[in-house]
All heavy atoms as atom14 arrays in JSON, in Angstrom:
{
  "sequence": "PALSFTGPRNYATGLTPQSVAIGDLNGDGKPDLATASVTWGTVSVFLN",
  "atom14_mask": [
    [1, 1, 1, 1, 1, 1, 1, 0, 0, 0, 0, 0, 0, 0],
    [1, 1, 1, 1, 1, 0, 0, 0, 0, 0, 0, 0, 0, 0],
    [1, 1, 1, 1, 1, 1, 1, 1, 0, 0, 0, 0, 0, 0],
    [1, 1, 1, 1, 1, 1, 0, 0, 0, 0, 0, 0, 0, 0],
    [1, 1, 1, 1, 1, 1, 1, 1, 1, 1, 1, 0, 0, 0],
    [1, 1, 1, 1, 1, 1, 1, 0, 0, 0, 0, 0, 0, 0],
    [1, 1, 1, 1, 0, 0, 0, 0, 0, 0, 0, 0, 0, 0],
    [1, 1, 1, 1, 1, 1, 1, 0, 0, 0, 0, 0, 0, 0],
    [1, 1, 1, 1, 1, 1, 1, 1, 1, 1, 1, 0, 0, 0],
    [1, 1, 1, 1, 1, 1, 1, 1, 0, 0, 0, 0, 0, 0],
    [1, 1, 1, 1, 1, 1, 1, 1, 1, 1, 1, 1, 0, 0],
    [1, 1, 1, 1, 1, 0, 0, 0, 0, 0, 0, 0, 0, 0],
    [1, 1, 1, 1, 1, 1, 1, 0, 0, 0, 0, 0, 0, 0],
    [1, 1, 1, 1, 0, 0, 0, 0, 0, 0, 0, 0, 0, 0],
    [1, 1, 1, 1, 1, 1, 1, 1, 0, 0, 0, 0, 0, 0],
    [1, 1, 1, 1, 1, 1, 1, 0, 0, 0, 0, 0, 0, 0],
    [1, 1, 1, 1, 1, 1, 1, 0, 0, 0, 0, 0, 0, 0],
    [1, 1, 1, 1, 1, 1, 1, 1, 1, 0, 0, 0, 0, 0],
    [1, 1, 1, 1, 1, 1, 0, 0, 0, 0, 0, 0, 0, 0],
    [1, 1, 1, 1, 1, 1, 1, 0, 0, 0, 0, 0, 0, 0],
    [1, 1, 1, 1, 1, 0, 0, 0, 0, 0, 0, 0, 0, 0],
    [1, 1, 1, 1, 1, 1, 1, 1, 0, 0, 0, 0, 0, 0],
    [1, 1, 1, 1, 0, 0, 0, 0, 0, 0, 0, 0, 0, 0],
    [1, 1, 1, 1, 1, 1, 1, 1, 0, 0, 0, 0, 0, 0],
    [1, 1, 1, 1, 1, 1, 1, 1, 0, 0, 0, 0, 0, 0],
    [1, 1, 1, 1, 1, 1, 1, 1, 0, 0, 0, 0, 0, 0],
    [1, 1, 1, 1, 0, 0, 0, 0, 0, 0, 0, 0, 0, 0],
    [1, 1, 1, 1, 1, 1, 1, 1, 0, 0, 0, 0, 0, 0],
    [1, 1, 1, 1, 0, 0, 0, 0, 0, 0, 0, 0, 0, 0],
    [1, 1, 1, 1, 1, 1, 1, 1, 1, 0, 0, 0, 0, 0],
    [1, 1, 1, 1, 1, 1, 1, 0, 0, 0, 0, 0, 0, 0],
    [1, 1, 1, 1, 1, 1, 1, 1, 0, 0, 0, 0, 0, 0],
    [1, 1, 1, 1, 1, 1, 1, 1, 0, 0, 0, 0, 0, 0],
    [1, 1, 1, 1, 1, 0, 0, 0, 0, 0, 0, 0, 0, 0],
    [1, 1, 1, 1, 1, 1, 1, 0, 0, 0, 0, 0, 0, 0],
    [1, 1, 1, 1, 1, 0, 0, 0, 0, 0, 0, 0, 0, 0],
    [1, 1, 1, 1, 1, 1, 0, 0, 0, 0, 0, 0, 0, 0],
    [1, 1, 1, 1, 1, 1, 1, 0, 0, 0, 0, 0, 0, 0],
    [1, 1, 1, 1, 1, 1, 1, 0, 0, 0, 0, 0, 0, 0],
    [1, 1, 1, 1, 1, 1, 1, 1, 1, 1, 1, 1, 1, 1],
    [1, 1, 1, 1, 0, 0, 0, 0, 0, 0, 0, 0, 0, 0],
    [1, 1, 1, 1, 1, 1, 1, 0, 0, 0, 0, 0, 0, 0],
    [1, 1, 1, 1, 1, 1, 1, 0, 0, 0, 0, 0, 0, 0],
    [1, 1, 1, 1, 1, 1, 0, 0, 0, 0, 0, 0, 0, 0],
    [1, 1, 1, 1, 1, 1, 1, 0, 0, 0, 0, 0, 0, 0],
    [1, 1, 1, 1, 1, 1, 1, 1, 1, 1, 1, 0, 0, 0],
    [1, 1, 1, 1, 1, 1, 1, 1, 0, 0, 0, 0, 0, 0],
    [1, 1, 1, 1, 1, 1, 1, 1, 0, 0, 0, 0, 0, 0]
  ],
  "atom14_positions": [
    [[0.83, -1.22, -0.04], [0.01, 0.06, 0.01], [0.81, 1.26, 0.04], [2.03, 1.25, 0.25], [-0.76, -0.09, 1.27], [0.03, -0.92, 2.2], [0.77, -1.88, 1.31], [0.0, 0.0, 0.0], [0.0, 0.0, 0.0], [0.0, 0.0, 0.0], [0.0, 0.0, 0.0], [0.0, 0.0, 0.0], [0.0, 0.0, 0.0], [0.0, 0.0, 0.0]],
    [[0.16, 2.37, -0.28], [0.83, 3.75, -0.23], [1.42, 3.94, 1.14], [0.79, 3.64, 2.12], [-0.05, 4.83, -0.64], [0.0, 0.0, 0.0], [0.0, 0.0, 0.0], [0.0, 0.0, 0.0], [0.0, 0.0, 0.0], [0.0, 0.0, 0.0], [0.0, 0.0, 0.0], [0.0, 0.0, 0.0], [0.0, 0.0, 0.0], [0.0, 0.0, 0.0]],
    [[2.66, 4.25, 1.28], [3.42, 4.64, 2.41], [2.82, 5.85, 3.12], [2.75, 6.86, 2.44], [4.89, 4.76, 2.33], [5.75, 4.8, 3.48], [5.68, 3.66, 4.38], [7.22, 5.19, 3.05], [0.0, 0.0, 0.0], [0.0, 0.0, 0.0], [0.0, 0.0, 0.0], [0.0, 0.0, 0.0], [0.0, 0.0, 0.0], [0.0, 0.0, 0.0]],
    [[2.52, 5.79, 4.38], [1.96, 6.93, 5.25], [2.3, 6.72, 6.65], [2.5, 5.6, 7.07], [0.48, 7.09, 4.99], [-0.23, 5.99, 5.51], [0.0, 0.0, 0.0], [0.0, 0.0, 0.0], [0.0, 0.0, 0.0], [0.0, 0.0, 0.0], [0.0, 0.0, 0.0], [0.0, 0.0, 0.0], [0.0, 0.0, 0.0], [0.0, 0.0, 0.0]],
    [[2.41, 7.91, 7.32], [2.77, 7.92, 8.74], [1.69, 9.02, 9.53], [1.33, 9.91, 8.92], [4.18, 8.32, 8.95], [5.18, 7.36, 8.57], [5.62, 7.46, 7.24], [5.61, 6.5, 9.35], [6.7, 6.49, 6.78], [6.59, 5.48, 8.9], [7.04, 5.6, 7.59], [0.0, 0.0, 0.0], [0.0, 0.0, 0.0], [0.0, 0.0, 0.0]],
    [[1.54, 8.6, 10.76], [0.89, 9.61, 11.54], [1.85, 10.78, 11.72], [3.02, 10.75, 11.48], [0.61, 8.96, 12.88], [1.8, 8.65, 13.61], [-0.35, 7.88, 12.87], [0.0, 0.0, 0.0], [0.0, 0.0, 0.0], [0.0, 0.0, 0.0], [0.0, 0.0, 0.0], [0.0, 0.0, 0.0], [0.0, 0.0, 0.0], [0.0, 0.0, 0.0]],
    [[1.31, 11.91, 12.12], [2.08, 13.02, 12.61], [2.8, 12.6, 13.84], [2.57, 11.68, 14.46], [0.0, 0.0, 0.0], [0.0, 0.0, 0.0], [0.0, 0.0, 0.0], [0.0, 0.0, 0.0], [0.0, 0.0, 0.0], [0.0, 0.0, 0.0], [0.0, 0.0, 0.0], [0.0, 0.0, 0.0], [0.0, 0.0, 0.0], [0.0, 0.0, 0.0]],
    [[3.86, 13.33, 14.1], [4.69, 12.82, 15.35], [4.07, 13.03, 16.65], [3.37, 14.07, 16.85], [5.94, 13.82, 15.32], [5.5, 15.05, 14.66], [4.39, 14.56, 13.51], [0.0, 0.0, 0.0], [0.0, 0.0, 0.0], [0.0, 0.0, 0.0], [0.0, 0.0, 0.0], [0.0, 0.0, 0.0], [0.0, 0.0, 0.0], [0.0, 0.0, 0.0]],
    [[4.1, 11.96, 17.52], [3.74, 11.99, 18.91], [5.04, 12.31, 19.73], [5.98, 11.54, 19.63], [3.18, 10.64, 19.27], [2.65, 10.6, 20.8], [2.07, 9.3, 21.04], [0.86, 8.98, 20.24], [0.31, 7.85, 20.22], [0.75, 6.77, 20.95], [-0.85, 7.65, 19.49], [0.0, 0.0, 0.0], [0.0, 0.0, 0.0], [0.0, 0.0, 0.0]],
    [[5.01, 13.41, 20.39], [6.28, 13.92, 20.99], [6.38, 13.66, 22.47], [5.35, 13.68, 23.23], [6.36, 15.45, 20.7], [6.48, 15.82, 19.32], [7.28, 15.17, 18.54], [5.69, 16.8, 18.7], [0.0, 0.0, 0.0], [0.0, 0.0, 0.0], [0.0, 0.0, 0.0], [0.0, 0.0, 0.0], [0.0, 0.0, 0.0], [0.0, 0.0, 0.0]],
    [[7.61, 13.44, 22.85], [7.88, 13.19, 24.29], [9.03, 13.97, 24.68], [10.07, 14.13, 23.94], [8.27, 11.63, 24.56], [7.13, 10.77, 24.06], [7.1, 10.34, 22.8], [6.26, 10.35, 25.06], [5.99, 9.38, 22.41], [5.15, 9.49, 24.67], [5.1, 9.02, 23.29], [4.04, 8.14, 22.97], [0.0, 0.0, 0.0], [0.0, 0.0, 0.0]],
    [[8.99, 14.72, 25.85], [10.15, 15.5, 26.43], [11.31, 14.59, 26.77], [11.15, 13.62, 27.39], [9.72, 16.25, 27.57], [0.0, 0.0, 0.0], [0.0, 0.0, 0.0], [0.0, 0.0, 0.0], [0.0, 0.0, 0.0], [0.0, 0.0, 0.0], [0.0, 0.0, 0.0], [0.0, 0.0, 0.0], [0.0, 0.0, 0.0], [0.0, 0.0, 0.0]],
    [[12.52, 15.08, 26.34], [13.72, 14.41, 26.57], [14.69, 15.33, 27.45], [14.21, 16.48, 27.98], [14.59, 13.98, 25.31], [14.93, 15.19, 24.67], [13.58, 13.23, 24.4], [0.0, 0.0, 0.0], [0.0, 0.0, 0.0], [0.0, 0.0, 0.0], [0.0, 0.0, 0.0], [0.0, 0.0, 0.0], [0.0, 0.0, 0.0], [0.0, 0.0, 0.0]],
    [[15.85, 14.82, 27.82], [16.83, 15.7, 28.32], [17.28, 16.75, 27.22], [16.99, 16.62, 26.11], [0.0, 0.0, 0.0], [0.0, 0.0, 0.0], [0.0, 0.0, 0.0], [0.0, 0.0, 0.0], [0.0, 0.0, 0.0], [0.0, 0.0, 0.0], [0.0, 0.0, 0.0], [0.0, 0.0, 0.0], [0.0, 0.0, 0.0], [0.0, 0.0, 0.0]],
    [[17.93, 17.91, 27.59], [18.22, 18.97, 26.67], [19.23, 18.47, 25.74], [20.2, 17.79, 25.99], [18.72, 20.09, 27.51], [18.92, 21.48, 26.81], [17.54, 21.93, 26.22], [19.41, 22.51, 27.73], [0.0, 0.0, 0.0], [0.0, 0.0, 0.0], [0.0, 0.0, 0.0], [0.0, 0.0, 0.0], [0.0, 0.0, 0.0], [0.0, 0.0, 0.0]],
    [[19.04, 18.82, 24.47], [19.88, 18.6, 23.28], [20.03, 17.06, 23.12], [21.17, 16.62, 23.18], [21.08, 19.34, 23.38], [21.88, 19.1, 24.49], [20.95, 20.81, 23.12], [0.0, 0.0, 0.0], [0.0, 0.0, 0.0], [0.0, 0.0, 0.0], [0.0, 0.0, 0.0], [0.0, 0.0, 0.0], [0.0, 0.0, 0.0], [0.0, 0.0, 0.0]],
    [[19.06, 16.3, 22.78], [19.26, 14.93, 22.49], [19.93, 14.68, 21.16], [19.46, 15.12, 20.17], [17.73, 14.3, 22.53], [16.96, 15.46, 22.1], [17.57, 16.75, 22.66], [0.0, 0.0, 0.0], [0.0, 0.0, 0.0], [0.0, 0.0, 0.0], [0.0, 0.0, 0.0], [0.0, 0.0, 0.0], [0.0, 0.0, 0.0], [0.0, 0.0, 0.0]],
    [[20.96, 14.01, 21.22], [21.78, 13.8, 20.0], [21.48, 12.58, 19.26], [21.8, 12.45, 17.98], [23.28, 13.92, 20.4], [23.72, 15.01, 21.09], [23.46, 16.37, 20.19], [23.96, 16.51, 19.08], [22.54, 17.17, 20.68], [0.0, 0.0, 0.0], [0.0, 0.0, 0.0], [0.0, 0.0, 0.0], [0.0, 0.0, 0.0], [0.0, 0.0, 0.0]],
    [[20.97, 11.58, 19.7], [20.65, 10.29, 19.1], [19.57, 9.54, 19.74], [19.26, 9.77, 20.94], [21.96, 9.43, 18.96], [22.34, 8.94, 20.08], [0.0, 0.0, 0.0], [0.0, 0.0, 0.0], [0.0, 0.0, 0.0], [0.0, 0.0, 0.0], [0.0, 0.0, 0.0], [0.0, 0.0, 0.0], [0.0, 0.0, 0.0], [0.0, 0.0, 0.0]],
    [[19.06, 8.53, 19.05], [18.1, 7.7, 19.48], [18.24, 6.26, 19.16], [18.89, 5.95, 18.05], [16.68, 8.14, 19.05], [16.66, 8.1, 17.56], [15.48, 7.23, 19.52], [0.0, 0.0, 0.0], [0.0, 0.0, 0.0], [0.0, 0.0, 0.0], [0.0, 0.0, 0.0], [0.0, 0.0, 0.0], [0.0, 0.0, 0.0], [0.0, 0.0, 0.0]],
    [[18.07, 5.3, 20.06], [18.25, 3.86, 19.76], [17.07, 3.19, 20.21], [16.3, 3.55, 21.08], [19.45, 3.32, 20.5], [0.0, 0.0, 0.0], [0.0, 0.0, 0.0], [0.0, 0.0, 0.0], [0.0, 0.0, 0.0], [0.0, 0.0, 0.0], [0.0, 0.0, 0.0], [0.0, 0.0, 0.0], [0.0, 0.0, 0.0], [0.0, 0.0, 0.0]],
    [[16.86, 2.0, 19.6], [15.59, 1.09, 19.9], [15.99, -0.24, 20.33], [17.0, -0.88, 19.67], [14.88, 1.08, 18.43], [14.27, 2.29, 17.92], [13.7, 0.05, 18.72], [13.64, 2.3, 16.72], [0.0, 0.0, 0.0], [0.0, 0.0, 0.0], [0.0, 0.0, 0.0], [0.0, 0.0, 0.0], [0.0, 0.0, 0.0], [0.0, 0.0, 0.0]],
    [[15.36, -0.76, 21.41], [15.59, -2.08, 21.86], [14.73, -2.35, 22.97], [14.12, -1.58, 23.61], [0.0, 0.0, 0.0], [0.0, 0.0, 0.0], [0.0, 0.0, 0.0], [0.0, 0.0, 0.0], [0.0, 0.0, 0.0], [0.0, 0.0, 0.0], [0.0, 0.0, 0.0], [0.0, 0.0, 0.0], [0.0, 0.0, 0.0], [0.0, 0.0, 0.0]],
    [[14.5, -3.65, 23.32], [13.56, -4.07, 24.36], [14.27, -4.0, 25.7], [15.13, -5.01, 26.18], [13.01, -5.5, 24.09], [12.06, -5.96, 25.24], [11.82, -5.12, 26.16], [11.68, -7.15, 25.22], [0.0, 0.0, 0.0], [0.0, 0.0, 0.0], [0.0, 0.0, 0.0], [0.0, 0.0, 0.0], [0.0, 0.0, 0.0], [0.0, 0.0, 0.0]],
    [[14.29, -2.89, 26.46], [15.09, -2.75, 27.61], [14.56, -3.19, 28.87], [15.28, -3.52, 29.94], [15.23, -1.22, 27.75], [16.11, -0.57, 26.63], [16.06, 1.02, 26.79], [17.5, -1.05, 26.57], [0.0, 0.0, 0.0], [0.0, 0.0, 0.0], [0.0, 0.0, 0.0], [0.0, 0.0, 0.0], [0.0, 0.0, 0.0], [0.0, 0.0, 0.0]],
    [[13.2, -3.64, 29.0], [12.65, -4.23, 30.17], [12.12, -5.65, 29.98], [11.51, -6.03, 30.93], [11.55, -3.26, 30.75], [10.37, -3.17, 29.75], [10.47, -3.5, 28.63], [9.32, -2.6, 30.29], [0.0, 0.0, 0.0], [0.0, 0.0, 0.0], [0.0, 0.0, 0.0], [0.0, 0.0, 0.0], [0.0, 0.0, 0.0], [0.0, 0.0, 0.0]],
    [[12.42, -6.21, 28.85], [12.14, -7.62, 28.64], [10.67, -7.96, 28.46], [10.29, -9.18, 28.75], [0.0, 0.0, 0.0], [0.0, 0.0, 0.0], [0.0, 0.0, 0.0], [0.0, 0.0, 0.0], [0.0, 0.0, 0.0], [0.0, 0.0, 0.0], [0.0, 0.0, 0.0], [0.0, 0.0, 0.0], [0.0, 0.0, 0.0], [0.0, 0.0, 0.0]],
    [[9.81, -7.08, 28.04], [8.48, -7.39, 27.95], [7.99, -7.7, 26.44], [6.82, -7.85, 26.11], [7.5, -6.2, 28.54], [7.62, -4.99, 27.76], [8.52, -4.85, 26.77], [6.99, -3.86, 28.0], [0.0, 0.0, 0.0], [0.0, 0.0, 0.0], [0.0, 0.0, 0.0], [0.0, 0.0, 0.0], [0.0, 0.0, 0.0], [0.0, 0.0, 0.0]],
    [[8.92, -7.74, 25.6], [8.74, -8.05, 24.15], [8.38, -6.88, 23.37], [8.09, -7.08, 22.13], [0.0, 0.0, 0.0], [0.0, 0.0, 0.0], [0.0, 0.0, 0.0], [0.0, 0.0, 0.0], [0.0, 0.0, 0.0], [0.0, 0.0, 0.0], [0.0, 0.0, 0.0], [0.0, 0.0, 0.0], [0.0, 0.0, 0.0], [0.0, 0.0, 0.0]],
    [[8.35, -5.7, 23.84], [8.08, -4.48, 23.17], [9.24, -3.54, 23.17], [9.98, -3.37, 23.99], [6.88, -3.67, 23.83], [5.56, -4.44, 23.91], [4.45, -3.56, 24.42], [4.43, -3.2, 25.9], [4.15, -4.32, 26.81], [0.0, 0.0, 0.0], [0.0, 0.0, 0.0], [0.0, 0.0, 0.0], [0.0, 0.0, 0.0], [0.0, 0.0, 0.0]],
    [[9.62, -3.06, 21.89], [10.73, -2.11, 21.81], [10.69, -0.84, 22.47], [9.61, -0.2, 22.28], [10.95, -2.07, 20.24], [9.53, -2.25, 19.71], [8.85, -3.2, 20.58], [0.0, 0.0, 0.0], [0.0, 0.0, 0.0], [0.0, 0.0, 0.0], [0.0, 0.0, 0.0], [0.0, 0.0, 0.0], [0.0, 0.0, 0.0], [0.0, 0.0, 0.0]],
    [[11.61, -0.45, 23.25], [11.62, 0.79, 23.87], [12.65, 1.71, 23.2], [13.31, 1.42, 22.25], [12.14, 0.45, 25.32], [11.27, -0.54, 25.96], [10.11, -0.36, 25.97], [11.83, -1.62, 26.5], [0.0, 0.0, 0.0], [0.0, 0.0, 0.0], [0.0, 0.0, 0.0], [0.0, 0.0, 0.0], [0.0, 0.0, 0.0], [0.0, 0.0, 0.0]],
    [[12.69, 2.93, 23.66], [13.56, 3.95, 23.13], [14.54, 4.58, 24.09], [14.12, 4.61, 25.25], [12.77, 5.09, 22.52], [11.62, 4.85, 21.44], [10.8, 5.88, 21.15], [12.3, 4.18, 20.14], [0.0, 0.0, 0.0], [0.0, 0.0, 0.0], [0.0, 0.0, 0.0], [0.0, 0.0, 0.0], [0.0, 0.0, 0.0], [0.0, 0.0, 0.0]],
    [[15.63, 4.89, 23.68], [16.71, 5.49, 24.53], [17.32, 6.69, 23.83], [17.57, 6.52, 22.63], [17.77, 4.6, 24.99], [0.0, 0.0, 0.0], [0.0, 0.0, 0.0], [0.0, 0.0, 0.0], [0.0, 0.0, 0.0], [0.0, 0.0, 0.0], [0.0, 0.0, 0.0], [0.0, 0.0, 0.0], [0.0, 0.0, 0.0], [0.0, 0.0, 0.0]],
    [[17.43, 7.83, 24.5], [18.17, 9.02, 23.84], [19.22, 9.49, 24.78], [19.23, 9.2, 25.96], [17.11, 10.09, 23.55], [16.65, 10.61, 24.9], [15.89, 9.68, 22.9], [0.0, 0.0, 0.0], [0.0, 0.0, 0.0], [0.0, 0.0, 0.0], [0.0, 0.0, 0.0], [0.0, 0.0, 0.0], [0.0, 0.0, 0.0], [0.0, 0.0, 0.0]],
    [[20.13, 10.4, 24.26], [21.23, 10.83, 24.99], [21.12, 12.37, 25.02], [20.91, 13.01, 23.93], [22.57, 10.42, 24.44], [0.0, 0.0, 0.0], [0.0, 0.0, 0.0], [0.0, 0.0, 0.0], [0.0, 0.0, 0.0], [0.0, 0.0, 0.0], [0.0, 0.0, 0.0], [0.0, 0.0, 0.0], [0.0, 0.0, 0.0], [0.0, 0.0, 0.0]],
    [[21.32, 13.04, 26.18], [21.24, 14.45, 26.34], [22.72, 15.0, 26.34], [23.31, 14.75, 27.51], [20.44, 14.95, 27.43], [20.69, 16.21, 27.83], [0.0, 0.0, 0.0], [0.0, 0.0, 0.0], [0.0, 0.0, 0.0], [0.0, 0.0, 0.0], [0.0, 0.0, 0.0], [0.0, 0.0, 0.0], [0.0, 0.0, 0.0], [0.0, 0.0, 0.0]],
    [[23.1, 15.73, 25.45], [24.49, 16.28, 25.45], [24.67, 17.24, 26.58], [25.61, 17.17, 27.3], [24.9, 16.87, 24.15], [26.16, 17.76, 24.19], [24.96, 15.99, 22.91], [0.0, 0.0, 0.0], [0.0, 0.0, 0.0], [0.0, 0.0, 0.0], [0.0, 0.0, 0.0], [0.0, 0.0, 0.0], [0.0, 0.0, 0.0], [0.0, 0.0, 0.0]],
    [[23.79, 18.13, 26.81], [23.93, 19.22, 27.73], [23.82, 18.75, 29.11], [24.59, 19.19, 29.97], [22.86, 20.32, 27.51], [22.9, 20.84, 26.17], [22.97, 21.51, 28.49], [0.0, 0.0, 0.0], [0.0, 0.0, 0.0], [0.0, 0.0, 0.0], [0.0, 0.0, 0.0], [0.0, 0.0, 0.0], [0.0, 0.0, 0.0], [0.0, 0.0, 0.0]],
    [[22.87, 17.77, 29.33], [22.67, 17.33, 30.79], [23.61, 16.23, 31.16], [23.73, 15.85, 32.29], [21.17, 16.91, 30.97], [20.31, 18.1, 30.93], [20.62, 19.41, 30.99], [18.78, 18.0, 31.13], [19.47, 20.13, 30.93], [18.4, 19.33, 31.11], [17.95, 17.01, 31.19], [17.01, 19.65, 31.22], [16.61, 17.26, 31.31], [16.22, 18.55, 31.32]],
    [[24.2, 15.43, 30.19], [25.08, 14.38, 30.42], [24.23, 13.21, 31.03], [24.55, 12.49, 31.99], [0.0, 0.0, 0.0], [0.0, 0.0, 0.0], [0.0, 0.0, 0.0], [0.0, 0.0, 0.0], [0.0, 0.0, 0.0], [0.0, 0.0, 0.0], [0.0, 0.0, 0.0], [0.0, 0.0, 0.0], [0.0, 0.0, 0.0], [0.0, 0.0, 0.0]],
    [[23.1, 12.94, 30.37], [22.22, 11.84, 30.81], [21.75, 11.07, 29.59], [21.7, 11.61, 28.43], [20.98, 12.43, 31.56], [20.24, 13.38, 30.7], [21.42, 13.16, 32.82], [0.0, 0.0, 0.0], [0.0, 0.0, 0.0], [0.0, 0.0, 0.0], [0.0, 0.0, 0.0], [0.0, 0.0, 0.0], [0.0, 0.0, 0.0], [0.0, 0.0, 0.0]],
    [[21.13, 9.83, 29.94], [20.33, 9.2, 28.99], [18.87, 9.11, 29.49], [18.65, 9.0, 30.69], [20.89, 7.77, 28.65], [22.22, 7.82, 28.0], [20.82, 6.87, 29.97], [0.0, 0.0, 0.0], [0.0, 0.0, 0.0], [0.0, 0.0, 0.0], [0.0, 0.0, 0.0], [0.0, 0.0, 0.0], [0.0, 0.0, 0.0], [0.0, 0.0, 0.0]],
    [[17.92, 9.19, 28.56], [16.5, 8.98, 28.92], [16.06, 7.84, 28.23], [16.26, 7.62, 27.06], [15.76, 10.26, 28.42], [16.17, 11.48, 28.92], [0.0, 0.0, 0.0], [0.0, 0.0, 0.0], [0.0, 0.0, 0.0], [0.0, 0.0, 0.0], [0.0, 0.0, 0.0], [0.0, 0.0, 0.0], [0.0, 0.0, 0.0], [0.0, 0.0, 0.0]],
    [[15.26, 6.93, 29.06], [14.66, 5.72, 28.52], [13.21, 5.95, 28.52], [12.6, 6.38, 29.48], [15.08, 4.57, 29.37], [14.26, 3.31, 29.09], [16.61, 4.24, 29.32], [0.0, 0.0, 0.0], [0.0, 0.0, 0.0], [0.0, 0.0, 0.0], [0.0, 0.0, 0.0], [0.0, 0.0, 0.0], [0.0, 0.0, 0.0], [0.0, 0.0, 0.0]],
    [[12.55, 5.43, 27.44], [11.17, 5.49, 27.31], [10.62, 4.09, 27.09], [10.82, 3.53, 26.01], [10.82, 6.42, 26.02], [11.25, 7.86, 26.22], [12.54, 8.22, 25.94], [10.41, 8.81, 26.65], [12.95, 9.58, 26.09], [10.78, 10.09, 26.82], [12.03, 10.49, 26.55], [0.0, 0.0, 0.0], [0.0, 0.0, 0.0], [0.0, 0.0, 0.0]],
    [[9.87, 3.6, 28.03], [9.38, 2.26, 27.95], [8.09, 2.27, 27.18], [7.15, 3.02, 27.46], [9.19, 1.66, 29.42], [10.46, 1.56, 30.21], [10.14, 1.02, 31.63], [11.54, 0.65, 29.53], [0.0, 0.0, 0.0], [0.0, 0.0, 0.0], [0.0, 0.0, 0.0], [0.0, 0.0, 0.0], [0.0, 0.0, 0.0], [0.0, 0.0, 0.0]],
    [[7.94, 1.22, 26.42], [6.78, 1.12, 25.47], [5.59, 0.62, 26.33], [5.56, -0.56, 26.92], [7.07, 0.1, 24.34], [6.21, 0.15, 23.24], [5.03, 0.39, 23.33], [6.82, -0.08, 21.99], [0.0, 0.0, 0.0], [0.0, 0.0, 0.0], [0.0, 0.0, 0.0], [0.0, 0.0, 0.0], [0.0, 0.0, 0.0], [0.0, 0.0, 0.0]]
  ]
}
């Protein structure tokens, strides 16, 4: 079928997130997201 996407659903991260990675971080079979914040020196994890 024709390719289409929803508009973005946004989530707040640490300041200046430089990259995003995908993986099942809590073992529930659903892929989660992780970002890195340059300014704060932190990683943020978003569980699915």
